[in-house]
């Protein structure tokens, strides 16, 4: 899980994230950041994030669950 959290933090350009964090609440959030998260999920975890799927994900923990990463 820590590796996943580190990767998300890197994409979001923040020092760290926790599973309960709302990833859209970071100062650098925008469509390009969302795209970068989508690319990271596909390249690192083999999970393709469809636009409809993305709308249902709110927290970093939701992203982890989608990627198949557990605590």
C-alpha atoms as a PDB file:
ATOM      1  CA  UNK A   1       0.000   0.000   0.000  1.00  0.00           C
ATOM      2  CA  UNK A   2       2.790   2.452   0.835  1.00  0.00           C
ATOM      3  CA  UNK A   3       4.208   2.155  -2.670  1.00  0.00           C
ATOM      4  CA  UNK A   4       0.773   2.990  -4.102  1.00  0.00           C
ATOM      5  CA  UNK A   5       0.397   5.970  -1.755  1.00  0.00           C
ATOM      6  CA  UNK A   6       3.831   7.232  -2.765  1.00  0.00           C
ATOM      7  CA  UNK A   7       2.966   6.972  -6.460  1.00  0.00           C
ATOM      8  CA  UNK A   8      -0.317   8.842  -5.994  1.00  0.00           C
ATOM      9  CA  UNK A   9       1.442  11.547  -3.970  1.00  0.00           C
ATOM     10  CA  UNK A  10       3.998  11.932  -6.752  1.00  0.00           C
ATOM     11  CA  UNK A  11       1.289  12.330  -9.397  1.00  0.00           C
ATOM     12  CA  UNK A  12      -0.610  14.804  -7.205  1.00  0.00           C
ATOM     13  CA  UNK A  13       2.624  16.686  -6.451  1.00  0.00           C
ATOM     14  CA  UNK A  14       2.141  16.554  -2.681  1.00  0.00           C
ATOM     15  CA  UNK A  15       4.483  15.219   0.031  1.00  0.00           C
ATOM     16  CA  UNK A  16       2.153  12.389   1.055  1.00  0.00           C
ATOM     17  CA  UNK A  17      -1.408  11.078   0.899  1.00  0.00           C
ATOM     18  CA  UNK A  18      -3.536   8.849   3.128  1.00  0.00           C
ATOM     19  CA  UNK A  19      -6.224   6.413   1.979  1.00  0.00           C
ATOM     20  CA  UNK A  20      -8.987   8.656   3.348  1.00  0.00           C
ATOM     21  CA  UNK A  21      -7.780  11.751   1.442  1.00  0.00           C
ATOM     22  CA  UNK A  22      -9.981  13.200  -1.284  1.00  0.00           C
ATOM     23  CA  UNK A  23      -7.562  13.208  -4.193  1.00  0.00           C
ATOM     24  CA  UNK A  24      -9.475  15.966  -5.979  1.00  0.00           C
ATOM     25  CA  UNK A  25      -8.935  18.351  -3.040  1.00  0.00           C
ATOM     26  CA  UNK A  26      -5.229  18.883  -3.714  1.00  0.00           C
ATOM     27  CA  UNK A  27      -4.169  22.334  -4.924  1.00  0.00           C
ATOM     28  CA  UNK A  28      -2.782  21.003  -8.226  1.00  0.00           C
ATOM     29  CA  UNK A  29      -5.976  19.118  -9.149  1.00  0.00           C
ATOM     30  CA  UNK A  30      -7.118  19.469 -12.744  1.00  0.00           C
ATOM     31  CA  UNK A  31      -7.974  17.410 -15.774  1.00  0.00           C
ATOM     32  CA  UNK A  32      -4.303  16.747 -16.544  1.00  0.00           C
ATOM     33  CA  UNK A  33      -3.764  15.443 -13.028  1.00  0.00           C
ATOM     34  CA  UNK A  34      -6.743  13.138 -13.451  1.00  0.00           C
ATOM     35  CA  UNK A  35      -5.298  11.929 -16.724  1.00  0.00           C
ATOM     36  CA  UNK A  36      -1.916  11.346 -15.051  1.00  0.00           C
ATOM     37  CA  UNK A  37      -3.600   9.245 -12.341  1.00  0.00           C
ATOM     38  CA  UNK A  38      -5.390   7.257 -15.031  1.00  0.00           C
ATOM     39  CA  UNK A  39      -2.117   6.612 -16.869  1.00  0.00           C
ATOM     40  CA  UNK A  40      -0.372   5.592 -13.637  1.00  0.00           C
ATOM     41  CA  UNK A  41      -3.147   3.115 -12.813  1.00  0.00           C
ATOM     42  CA  UNK A  42      -2.915   1.573 -16.274  1.00  0.00           C
ATOM     43  CA  UNK A  43       0.882   1.441 -16.518  1.00  0.00           C
ATOM     44  CA  UNK A  44       1.654   0.346 -12.970  1.00  0.00           C
ATOM     45  CA  UNK A  45      -1.400  -1.775 -12.118  1.00  0.00           C
ATOM     46  CA  UNK A  46      -2.905  -2.775 -15.473  1.00  0.00           C
ATOM     47  CA  UNK A  47      -6.240  -1.118 -14.658  1.00  0.00           C
ATOM     48  CA  UNK A  48      -7.969   0.928 -17.350  1.00  0.00           C
ATOM     49  CA  UNK A  49      -9.974   3.733 -15.803  1.00  0.00           C
ATOM     50  CA  UNK A  50     -12.996   4.605 -17.927  1.00  0.00           C
ATOM     51  CA  UNK A  51     -14.483   8.105 -17.515  1.00  0.00           C
ATOM     52  CA  UNK A  52     -17.594   6.627 -15.908  1.00  0.00           C
ATOM     53  CA  UNK A  53     -15.470   4.712 -13.389  1.00  0.00           C
ATOM     54  CA  UNK A  54     -13.530   7.823 -12.443  1.00  0.00           C
ATOM     55  CA  UNK A  55     -16.688   9.665 -11.425  1.00  0.00           C
ATOM     56  CA  UNK A  56     -17.365   7.060  -8.710  1.00  0.00           C
ATOM     57  CA  UNK A  57     -13.925   7.304  -7.109  1.00  0.00           C
ATOM     58  CA  UNK A  58     -13.426   9.939  -4.422  1.00  0.00           C
ATOM     59  CA  UNK A  59     -10.635   8.984  -2.066  1.00  0.00           C
ATOM     60  CA  UNK A  60      -7.120   7.669  -2.489  1.00  0.00           C
ATOM     61  CA  UNK A  61      -8.430   4.475  -0.885  1.00  0.00           C
ATOM     62  CA  UNK A  62     -11.025   4.208  -3.646  1.00  0.00           C
ATOM     63  CA  UNK A  63      -8.201   4.439  -6.199  1.00  0.00           C
ATOM     64  CA  UNK A  64      -6.259   1.757  -4.323  1.00  0.00           C
ATOM     65  CA  UNK A  65      -9.262  -0.566  -4.281  1.00  0.00           C
ATOM     66  CA  UNK A  66      -9.780  -0.001  -8.014  1.00  0.00           C
ATOM     67  CA  UNK A  67      -6.099  -0.840  -8.594  1.00  0.00           C
ATOM     68  CA  UNK A  68      -6.401  -3.987  -6.483  1.00  0.00           C
ATOM     69  CA  UNK A  69      -4.061  -2.684  -3.793  1.00  0.00           C
ATOM     70  CA  UNK A  70      -4.934  -3.592  -0.235  1.00  0.00           C
ATOM     71  CA  UNK A  71      -3.668  -2.320   3.097  1.00  0.00           C
END
